[in-house]
Amino acid sequence: MFLSAFYIYLWVMIIIAIATFITLYHVEAGYGMLRTEKWGKTINNKWAWFIMELPIFLAMIVLWLCSPHRCDIVPLVFLLIFQSHYIQRTLIFPFLLKGKGRMPLGIVGLGVSFNILNAMMQGYWIFYVAYIQYPQALFVQAGTSWFYSWQFILGTCLFIAGYFINLRSDYIIRNLRKDPKDTKHYFPKGFMFKYVTSANYFGELIEWLGFAILTWSVSGLVFFIWTFANLVPRANAIYKRYQKEFPEEMKNGKLKRVIPFIY
């Protein structure tokens, strides 16, 4: 892929993200507590998440192995940070889910498609385009090191913070139902749920903002834009659902959708 074509690809992805953001304020993505029959046949939640997340996990490994710069330390660290999310999301998160929830195949297909496109964005940028902008020294004594840049330090701190918020919030949501046969919805409380109704999404936003900063990359920024475009409208839909199902809990006017004290 030539560099000019790659930048066109990134711009197209930004335009699609904006369209997705607008659309999702009018059409609810039918999975989780918002699942409807409109999105077609369904499969078990566990396997749905595994199938959705596996392609990007594998594609990033392939792109790394095929790169002539696979032994460069900075791109390798970027890969390990990126994959830390997808190891959890592919191999751990799905199989911790309780109950017999299901996900429409239409949502699975959209998830697979985006993850493949995102792997092309992140992997191509890191391993084939911008590796030369990252000083490869591991220590300052060996020369200028990207690992001591303010971008890497700030971005990594944000990534870790977002990762923790996301994991902790998922844990709270996952344990709302004590009985695997229970299908009722419960109102999440505690931790960041004191401030927003979609604390797990807030964590993921912080996570990928951190990744965009620590890589200081256009592709990382586009991924953050996509994360925002996908999760913020969904957080709004969940907020409105909670207003209908839990009016007493939602009387707290300070409780926001996804960004504490703001939205």
C-alpha atoms as a PDB file:
ATOM      1  CA  MET A   1       0.000   0.000   0.000  1.00  0.00           C
ATOM      2  CA  PHE A   2       1.561   3.299  -1.071  1.00  0.00           C
ATOM      3  CA  LEU A   3       1.727   6.042   1.540  1.00  0.00           C
ATOM      4  CA  SER A   4      -0.626   8.402  -0.324  1.00  0.00           C
ATOM      5  CA  ALA A   5      -3.200   5.634  -0.665  1.00  0.00           C
ATOM      6  CA  PHE A   6      -2.841   4.850   3.038  1.00  0.00           C
ATOM      7  CA  TYR A   7      -3.635   8.445   3.990  1.00  0.00           C
ATOM      8  CA  ILE A   8      -6.671   8.393   1.701  1.00  0.00           C
ATOM      9  CA  TYR A   9      -7.730   5.203   3.479  1.00  0.00           C
ATOM     10  CA  LEU A  10      -7.437   6.943   6.853  1.00  0.00           C
ATOM     11  CA  TRP A  11      -9.531   9.882   5.646  1.00  0.00           C
ATOM     12  CA  VAL A  12     -12.199   7.505   4.343  1.00  0.00           C
ATOM     13  CA  MET A  13     -12.248   5.782   7.734  1.00  0.00           C
ATOM     14  CA  ILE A  14     -12.727   9.147   9.461  1.00  0.00           C
ATOM     15  CA  ILE A  15     -15.646  10.022   7.173  1.00  0.00           C
ATOM     16  CA  ILE A  16     -17.269   6.632   7.829  1.00  0.00           C
ATOM     17  CA  ALA A  17     -16.737   7.125  11.587  1.00  0.00           C
ATOM     18  CA  ILE A  18     -18.569  10.456  11.469  1.00  0.00           C
ATOM     19  CA  ALA A  19     -21.431   8.858   9.540  1.00  0.00           C
ATOM     20  CA  THR A  20     -21.508   6.001  12.064  1.00  0.00           C
ATOM     21  CA  PHE A  21     -21.614   8.456  14.961  1.00  0.00           C
ATOM     22  CA  ILE A  22     -24.645  10.231  13.493  1.00  0.00           C
ATOM     23  CA  THR A  23     -26.393   6.993  12.533  1.00  0.00           C
ATOM     24  CA  LEU A  24     -26.015   5.401  15.970  1.00  0.00           C
ATOM     25  CA  TYR A  25     -27.928   8.283  17.528  1.00  0.00           C
ATOM     26  CA  HIS A  26     -30.919   7.155  15.471  1.00  0.00           C
ATOM     27  CA  VAL A  27     -30.355   3.384  15.155  1.00  0.00           C
ATOM     28  CA  GLU A  28     -29.433   1.336  18.227  1.00  0.00           C
ATOM     29  CA  ALA A  29     -26.779  -1.343  17.767  1.00  0.00           C
ATOM     30  CA  GLY A  30     -28.823  -4.383  18.739  1.00  0.00           C
ATOM     31  CA  TYR A  31     -26.644  -6.312  21.161  1.00  0.00           C
ATOM     32  CA  GLY A  32     -26.335  -6.586  24.926  1.00  0.00           C
ATOM     33  CA  MET A  33     -29.216  -4.983  26.798  1.00  0.00           C
ATOM     34  CA  LEU A  34     -30.295  -3.309  23.538  1.00  0.00           C
ATOM     35  CA  ARG A  35     -30.615  -6.544  21.569  1.00  0.00           C
ATOM     36  CA  THR A  36     -33.593  -6.831  19.236  1.00  0.00           C
ATOM     37  CA  GLU A  37     -34.721  -9.319  16.618  1.00  0.00           C
ATOM     38  CA  LYS A  38     -34.178  -6.728  13.870  1.00  0.00           C
ATOM     39  CA  TRP A  39     -30.511  -7.657  13.557  1.00  0.00           C
ATOM     40  CA  GLY A  40     -31.205 -11.229  12.474  1.00  0.00           C
ATOM     41  CA  LYS A  41     -30.196 -14.629  13.759  1.00  0.00           C
ATOM     42  CA  THR A  42     -28.129 -14.834  16.913  1.00  0.00           C
ATOM     43  CA  ILE A  43     -25.292 -16.918  18.313  1.00  0.00           C
ATOM     44  CA  ASN A  44     -23.986 -17.448  21.836  1.00  0.00           C
ATOM     45  CA  ASN A  45     -22.441 -14.285  23.314  1.00  0.00           C
ATOM     46  CA  LYS A  46     -19.204 -15.996  24.262  1.00  0.00           C
ATOM     47  CA  TRP A  47     -18.488 -17.215  20.758  1.00  0.00           C
ATOM     48  CA  ALA A  48     -19.725 -13.976  19.221  1.00  0.00           C
ATOM     49  CA  TRP A  49     -17.144 -11.934  21.124  1.00  0.00           C
ATOM     50  CA  PHE A  50     -14.405 -14.468  20.407  1.00  0.00           C
ATOM     51  CA  ILE A  51     -15.163 -14.464  16.671  1.00  0.00           C
ATOM     52  CA  MET A  52     -15.316 -10.654  16.561  1.00  0.00           C
ATOM     53  CA  GLU A  53     -12.041  -9.995  18.351  1.00  0.00           C
ATOM     54  CA  LEU A  54      -9.875 -12.847  17.062  1.00  0.00           C
ATOM     55  CA  PRO A  55      -9.239 -11.376  13.559  1.00  0.00           C
ATOM     56  CA  ILE A  56      -7.499  -8.219  14.810  1.00  0.00           C
ATOM     57  CA  PHE A  57      -5.446 -10.187  17.325  1.00  0.00           C
ATOM     58  CA  LEU A  58      -4.184 -12.538  14.589  1.00  0.00           C
ATOM     59  CA  ALA A  59      -3.854  -9.882  11.883  1.00  0.00           C
ATOM     60  CA  MET A  60      -1.574  -7.721  14.033  1.00  0.00           C
ATOM     61  CA  ILE A  61       0.700 -10.696  14.643  1.00  0.00           C
ATOM     62  CA  VAL A  62       0.857 -11.459  10.906  1.00  0.00           C
ATOM     63  CA  LEU A  63       1.612  -7.830  10.015  1.00  0.00           C
ATOM     64  CA  TRP A  64       4.370  -7.774  12.631  1.00  0.00           C
ATOM     65  CA  LEU A  65       5.930 -11.068  11.510  1.00  0.00           C
ATOM     66  CA  CYS A  66       5.908  -9.981   7.854  1.00  0.00           C
ATOM     67  CA  SER A  67       7.565  -6.640   8.613  1.00  0.00           C
ATOM     68  CA  PRO A  68      11.308  -6.239   8.023  1.00  0.00           C
ATOM     69  CA  HIS A  69      11.284  -4.163  11.223  1.00  0.00           C
ATOM     70  CA  ARG A  70       9.794  -6.819  13.480  1.00  0.00           C
ATOM     71  CA  CYS A  71      12.910  -6.800  15.671  1.00  0.00           C
ATOM     72  CA  ASP A  72      12.816  -3.049  16.280  1.00  0.00           C
ATOM     73  CA  ILE A  73      12.113  -2.498  19.952  1.00  0.00           C
ATOM     74  CA  VAL A  74       9.608   0.384  19.770  1.00  0.00           C
ATOM     75  CA  PRO A  75       7.152  -1.206  17.308  1.00  0.00           C
ATOM     76  CA  LEU A  76       7.411  -4.434  19.301  1.00  0.00           C
ATOM     77  CA  VAL A  77       6.451  -2.633  22.528  1.00  0.00           C
ATOM     78  CA  PHE A  78       3.553  -0.952  20.702  1.00  0.00           C
ATOM     79  CA  LEU A  79       2.392  -4.392  19.581  1.00  0.00           C
ATOM     80  CA  LEU A  80       2.568  -5.802  23.112  1.00  0.00           C
ATOM     81  CA  ILE A  81       0.577  -2.874  24.514  1.00  0.00           C
ATOM     82  CA  PHE A  82      -2.036  -3.156  21.776  1.00  0.00           C
ATOM     83  CA  GLN A  83      -2.297  -6.930  22.101  1.00  0.00           C
ATOM     84  CA  SER A  84      -2.655  -6.745  25.888  1.00  0.00           C
ATOM     85  CA  HIS A  85      -6.162  -5.412  25.258  1.00  0.00           C
ATOM     86  CA  TYR A  86      -7.037  -8.008  22.651  1.00  0.00           C
ATOM     87  CA  ILE A  87      -5.627 -10.959  24.574  1.00  0.00           C
ATOM     88  CA  GLN A  88      -8.059 -10.054  27.328  1.00  0.00           C
ATOM     89  CA  ARG A  89     -10.906  -9.224  24.932  1.00  0.00           C
ATOM     90  CA  THR A  90     -10.440 -12.359  22.801  1.00  0.00           C
ATOM     91  CA  LEU A  91      -9.289 -15.099  25.144  1.00  0.00           C
ATOM     92  CA  ILE A  92     -10.532 -14.049  28.593  1.00  0.00           C
ATOM     93  CA  PHE A  93     -13.488 -11.632  28.495  1.00  0.00           C
ATOM     94  CA  PRO A  94     -15.846 -13.783  26.362  1.00  0.00           C
ATOM     95  CA  PHE A  95     -15.504 -16.810  28.586  1.00  0.00           C
ATOM     96  CA  LEU A  96     -16.130 -14.878  31.778  1.00  0.00           C
ATOM     97  CA  LEU A  97     -19.574 -13.846  30.564  1.00  0.00           C
ATOM     98  CA  LYS A  98     -22.421 -15.337  32.556  1.00  0.00           C
ATOM     99  CA  GLY A  99     -25.829 -16.497  31.425  1.00  0.00           C
ATOM    100  CA  LYS A 100     -26.963 -17.464  27.965  1.00  0.00           C
ATOM    101  CA  GLY A 101     -26.897 -14.102  26.223  1.00  0.00           C
ATOM    102  CA  ARG A 102     -26.850 -14.021  22.446  1.00  0.00           C
ATOM    103  CA  MET A 103     -25.613 -11.626  19.779  1.00  0.00           C
ATOM    104  CA  PRO A 104     -27.008 -11.056  16.271  1.00  0.00           C
ATOM    105  CA  LEU A 105     -24.834 -12.255  13.417  1.00  0.00           C
ATOM    106  CA  GLY A 106     -25.182  -8.834  11.811  1.00  0.00           C
ATOM    107  CA  ILE A 107     -23.351  -7.240  14.743  1.00  0.00           C
ATOM    108  CA  VAL A 108     -20.700  -9.973  14.651  1.00  0.00           C
ATOM    109  CA  GLY A 109     -20.125  -9.352  10.950  1.00  0.00           C
ATOM    110  CA  LEU A 110     -19.759  -5.600  11.452  1.00  0.00           C
ATOM    111  CA  GLY A 111     -17.346  -6.195  14.323  1.00  0.00           C
ATOM    112  CA  VAL A 112     -15.177  -8.564  12.293  1.00  0.00           C
ATOM    113  CA  SER A 113     -15.100  -6.134   9.352  1.00  0.00           C
ATOM    114  CA  PHE A 114     -14.032  -3.176  11.449  1.00  0.00           C
ATOM    115  CA  ASN A 115     -11.390  -5.140  13.331  1.00  0.00           C
ATOM    116  CA  ILE A 116      -9.750  -6.243  10.090  1.00  0.00           C
ATOM    117  CA  LEU A 117      -9.773  -2.665   8.783  1.00  0.00           C
ATOM    118  CA  ASN A 118      -8.370  -1.421  12.080  1.00  0.00           C
ATOM    119  CA  ALA A 119      -5.559  -3.967  12.006  1.00  0.00           C
ATOM    120  CA  MET A 120      -4.616  -2.586   8.593  1.00  0.00           C
ATOM    121  CA  MET A 121      -4.563   0.937  10.061  1.00  0.00           C
ATOM    122  CA  GLN A 122      -2.543   0.187  13.189  1.00  0.00           C
ATOM    123  CA  GLY A 123      -0.254  -2.518  11.852  1.00  0.00           C
ATOM    124  CA  TYR A 124       0.604  -0.814   8.575  1.00  0.00           C
ATOM    125  CA  TRP A 125       1.387   2.465  10.311  1.00  0.00           C
ATOM    126  CA  ILE A 126       3.517   0.979  13.089  1.00  0.00           C
ATOM    127  CA  PHE A 127       5.425  -1.650  11.120  1.00  0.00           C
ATOM    128  CA  TYR A 128       5.605  -0.247   7.589  1.00  0.00           C
ATOM    129  CA  VAL A 129       5.206   3.549   7.639  1.00  0.00           C
ATOM    130  CA  ALA A 130       6.167   5.412  10.781  1.00  0.00           C
ATOM    131  CA  TYR A 131       8.694   3.155  12.501  1.00  0.00           C
ATOM    132  CA  ILE A 132      11.440   5.595  11.444  1.00  0.00           C
ATOM    133  CA  GLN A 133       9.923   8.376  13.586  1.00  0.00           C
ATOM    134  CA  TYR A 134      10.525   6.413  16.796  1.00  0.00           C
ATOM    135  CA  PRO A 135      14.102   6.462  18.163  1.00  0.00           C
ATOM    136  CA  GLN A 136      14.861   2.795  18.758  1.00  0.00           C
ATOM    137  CA  ALA A 137      17.207   3.070  21.734  1.00  0.00           C
ATOM    138  CA  LEU A 138      15.982   1.269  24.839  1.00  0.00           C
ATOM    139  CA  PHE A 139      17.815   3.527  27.290  1.00  0.00           C
ATOM    140  CA  VAL A 140      18.647   7.220  27.280  1.00  0.00           C
ATOM    141  CA  GLN A 141      22.328   6.353  27.733  1.00  0.00           C
ATOM    142  CA  ALA A 142      22.234   4.573  24.382  1.00  0.00           C
ATOM    143  CA  GLY A 143      20.861   7.656  22.649  1.00  0.00           C
ATOM    144  CA  THR A 144      17.507   9.363  22.355  1.00  0.00           C
ATOM    145  CA  SER A 145      14.754   6.947  23.368  1.00  0.00           C
ATOM    146  CA  TRP A 146      11.059   7.092  22.502  1.00  0.00           C
ATOM    147  CA  PHE A 147      10.335   5.419  25.843  1.00  0.00           C
ATOM    148  CA  TYR A 148      11.393   8.616  27.632  1.00  0.00           C
ATOM    149  CA  SER A 149       9.323  10.941  25.451  1.00  0.00           C
ATOM    150  CA  TRP A 150       6.392  12.751  27.056  1.00  0.00           C
ATOM    151  CA  GLN A 151       4.074  11.169  24.480  1.00  0.00           C
ATOM    152  CA  PHE A 152       5.003   7.619  25.453  1.00  0.00           C
ATOM    153  CA  ILE A 153       4.911   8.289  29.204  1.00  0.00           C
ATOM    154  CA  LEU A 154       1.588  10.168  29.170  1.00  0.00           C
ATOM    155  CA  GLY A 155      -0.022   7.821  26.660  1.00  0.00           C
ATOM    156  CA  THR A 156       1.040   4.702  28.541  1.00  0.00           C
ATOM    157  CA  CYS A 157      -0.308   6.083  31.832  1.00  0.00           C
ATOM    158  CA  LEU A 158      -3.644   6.842  30.161  1.00  0.00           C
ATOM    159  CA  PHE A 159      -3.734   3.417  28.511  1.00  0.00           C
ATOM    160  CA  ILE A 160      -3.129   1.635  31.822  1.00  0.00           C
ATOM    161  CA  ALA A 161      -5.709   3.786  33.613  1.00  0.00           C
ATOM    162  CA  GLY A 162      -8.307   3.172  30.900  1.00  0.00           C
ATOM    163  CA  TYR A 163      -7.516  -0.537  30.841  1.00  0.00           C
ATOM    164  CA  PHE A 164      -8.083  -0.770  34.613  1.00  0.00           C
ATOM    165  CA  ILE A 165     -11.336   1.237  34.472  1.00  0.00           C
ATOM    166  CA  ASN A 166     -12.602  -0.954  31.648  1.00  0.00           C
ATOM    167  CA  LEU A 167     -11.737  -4.228  33.416  1.00  0.00           C
ATOM    168  CA  ARG A 168     -13.142  -3.127  36.767  1.00  0.00           C
ATOM    169  CA  SER A 169     -16.354  -1.855  35.183  1.00  0.00           C
ATOM    170  CA  ASP A 170     -16.813  -5.066  33.194  1.00  0.00           C
ATOM    171  CA  TYR A 171     -16.364  -7.010  36.431  1.00  0.00           C
ATOM    172  CA  ILE A 172     -19.114  -5.005  38.126  1.00  0.00           C
ATOM    173  CA  ILE A 173     -21.510  -5.451  35.199  1.00  0.00           C
ATOM    174  CA  ARG A 174     -20.712  -9.145  34.917  1.00  0.00           C
ATOM    175  CA  ASN A 175     -21.539  -9.741  38.565  1.00  0.00           C
ATOM    176  CA  LEU A 176     -24.858  -7.903  38.651  1.00  0.00           C
ATOM    177  CA  ARG A 177     -26.590 -11.226  38.054  1.00  0.00           C
ATOM    178  CA  LYS A 178     -25.930 -13.813  40.735  1.00  0.00           C
ATOM    179  CA  ASP A 179     -27.919 -16.575  39.049  1.00  0.00           C
ATOM    180  CA  PRO A 180     -26.802 -17.640  35.529  1.00  0.00           C
ATOM    181  CA  LYS A 181     -30.458 -18.231  34.646  1.00  0.00           C
ATOM    182  CA  ASP A 182     -31.414 -14.684  35.603  1.00  0.00           C
ATOM    183  CA  THR A 183     -32.236 -12.497  32.592  1.00  0.00           C
ATOM    184  CA  LYS A 184     -33.232  -9.300  34.421  1.00  0.00           C
ATOM    185  CA  HIS A 185     -31.381  -6.020  34.037  1.00  0.00           C
ATOM    186  CA  TYR A 186     -29.747  -4.454  37.088  1.00  0.00           C
ATOM    187  CA  PHE A 187     -28.417  -0.978  37.711  1.00  0.00           C
ATOM    188  CA  PRO A 188     -24.614  -0.892  38.105  1.00  0.00           C
ATOM    189  CA  LYS A 189     -23.293   1.018  41.111  1.00  0.00           C
ATOM    190  CA  GLY A 190     -19.967   1.896  42.659  1.00  0.00           C
ATOM    191  CA  PHE A 191     -16.543   2.747  41.252  1.00  0.00           C
ATOM    192  CA  MET A 192     -16.889   4.949  38.115  1.00  0.00           C
ATOM    193  CA  PHE A 193     -20.593   4.093  37.911  1.00  0.00           C
ATOM    194  CA  LYS A 194     -21.010   6.786  40.566  1.00  0.00           C
ATOM    195  CA  TYR A 195     -20.333   9.278  37.769  1.00  0.00           C
ATOM    196  CA  VAL A 196     -21.452   7.647  34.490  1.00  0.00           C
ATOM    197  CA  THR A 197     -23.819   4.872  33.445  1.00  0.00           C
ATOM    198  CA  SER A 198     -21.311   3.438  30.939  1.00  0.00           C
ATOM    199  CA  ALA A 199     -18.102   3.358  32.941  1.00  0.00           C
ATOM    200  CA  ASN A 200     -16.738   0.472  30.860  1.00  0.00           C
ATOM    201  CA  TYR A 201     -16.986   2.631  27.740  1.00  0.00           C
ATOM    202  CA  PHE A 202     -15.322   5.544  29.511  1.00  0.00           C
ATOM    203  CA  GLY A 203     -12.402   3.245  30.314  1.00  0.00           C
ATOM    204  CA  GLU A 204     -12.105   2.135  26.708  1.00  0.00           C
ATOM    205  CA  LEU A 205     -12.142   5.737  25.469  1.00  0.00           C
ATOM    206  CA  ILE A 206      -9.295   6.615  27.828  1.00  0.00           C
ATOM    207  CA  GLU A 207      -7.436   3.464  26.812  1.00  0.00           C
ATOM    208  CA  TRP A 208      -7.396   4.209  23.093  1.00  0.00           C
ATOM    209  CA  LEU A 209      -6.762   7.907  23.591  1.00  0.00           C
ATOM    210  CA  GLY A 210      -3.678   6.782  25.483  1.00  0.00           C
ATOM    211  CA  PHE A 211      -2.643   4.486  22.644  1.00  0.00           C
ATOM    212  CA  ALA A 212      -3.028   7.302  20.107  1.00  0.00           C
ATOM    213  CA  ILE A 213      -0.766   9.493  22.258  1.00  0.00           C
ATOM    214  CA  LEU A 214       1.882   6.880  23.096  1.00  0.00           C
ATOM    215  CA  THR A 215       2.265   6.012  19.409  1.00  0.00           C
ATOM    216  CA  TRP A 216       1.769   9.677  18.388  1.00  0.00           C
ATOM    217  CA  SER A 217       0.162   8.284  15.249  1.00  0.00           C
ATOM    218  CA  VAL A 218      -2.541   9.296  12.807  1.00  0.00           C
ATOM    219  CA  SER A 219      -3.817   5.722  12.728  1.00  0.00           C
ATOM    220  CA  GLY A 220      -4.085   5.684  16.526  1.00  0.00           C
ATOM    221  CA  LEU A 221      -6.061   8.929  16.371  1.00  0.00           C
ATOM    222  CA  VAL A 222      -8.432   7.460  13.789  1.00  0.00           C
ATOM    223  CA  PHE A 223      -8.980   4.439  16.040  1.00  0.00           C
ATOM    224  CA  PHE A 224      -9.825   6.757  18.930  1.00  0.00           C
ATOM    225  CA  ILE A 225     -12.265   8.659  16.699  1.00  0.00           C
ATOM    226  CA  TRP A 226     -13.908   5.357  15.789  1.00  0.00           C
ATOM    227  CA  THR A 227     -14.072   4.292  19.438  1.00  0.00           C
ATOM    228  CA  PHE A 228     -15.738   7.605  20.288  1.00  0.00           C
ATOM    229  CA  ALA A 229     -18.135   7.350  17.330  1.00  0.00           C
ATOM    230  CA  ASN A 230     -19.198   3.849  18.322  1.00  0.00           C
ATOM    231  CA  LEU A 231     -19.352   4.024  22.114  1.00  0.00           C
ATOM    232  CA  VAL A 232     -20.679   7.519  22.862  1.00  0.00           C
ATOM    233  CA  PRO A 233     -24.004   7.058  20.989  1.00  0.00           C
ATOM    234  CA  ARG A 234     -24.370   3.616  22.552  1.00  0.00           C
ATOM    235  CA  ALA A 235     -23.754   5.087  26.000  1.00  0.00           C
ATOM    236  CA  ASN A 236     -26.539   7.563  25.238  1.00  0.00           C
ATOM    237  CA  ALA A 237     -28.912   4.729  24.286  1.00  0.00           C
ATOM    238  CA  ILE A 238     -28.067   2.840  27.491  1.00  0.00           C
ATOM    239  CA  TYR A 239     -28.598   6.013  29.535  1.00  0.00           C
ATOM    240  CA  LYS A 240     -32.074   6.414  28.063  1.00  0.00           C
ATOM    241  CA  ARG A 241     -32.866   2.745  28.695  1.00  0.00           C
ATOM    242  CA  TYR A 242     -31.835   3.145  32.332  1.00  0.00           C
ATOM    243  CA  GLN A 243     -34.099   6.190  32.628  1.00  0.00           C
ATOM    244  CA  LYS A 244     -37.039   3.972  31.657  1.00  0.00           C
ATOM    245  CA  GLU A 245     -36.083   0.899  33.689  1.00  0.00           C
ATOM    246  CA  PHE A 246     -34.563   2.565  36.774  1.00  0.00           C
ATOM    247  CA  PRO A 247     -36.233   5.979  37.222  1.00  0.00           C
ATOM    248  CA  GLU A 248     -35.426   6.136  40.948  1.00  0.00           C
ATOM    249  CA  GLU A 249     -31.712   5.500  40.480  1.00  0.00           C
ATOM    250  CA  MET A 250     -31.575   7.931  37.564  1.00  0.00           C
ATOM    251  CA  LYS A 251     -32.964  10.828  39.611  1.00  0.00           C
ATOM    252  CA  ASN A 252     -29.371  11.743  40.397  1.00  0.00           C
ATOM    253  CA  GLY A 253     -28.890  14.628  37.979  1.00  0.00           C
ATOM    254  CA  LYS A 254     -25.104  14.437  38.310  1.00  0.00           C
ATOM    255  CA  LEU A 255     -24.957  11.007  36.701  1.00  0.00           C
ATOM    256  CA  LYS A 256     -23.660  11.353  33.145  1.00  0.00           C
ATOM    257  CA  ARG A 257     -23.607   8.975  30.183  1.00  0.00           C
ATOM    258  CA  VAL A 258     -19.952   8.244  29.525  1.00  0.00           C
ATOM    259  CA  ILE A 259     -17.674  11.212  30.346  1.00  0.00           C
ATOM    260  CA  PRO A 260     -17.754  12.199  34.052  1.00  0.00           C
ATOM    261  CA  PHE A 261     -19.181  15.676  34.769  1.00  0.00           C
ATOM    262  CA  ILE A 262     -19.456  16.418  31.026  1.00  0.00           C
ATOM    263  CA  TYR A 263     -21.700  14.015  29.066  1.00  0.00           C
END
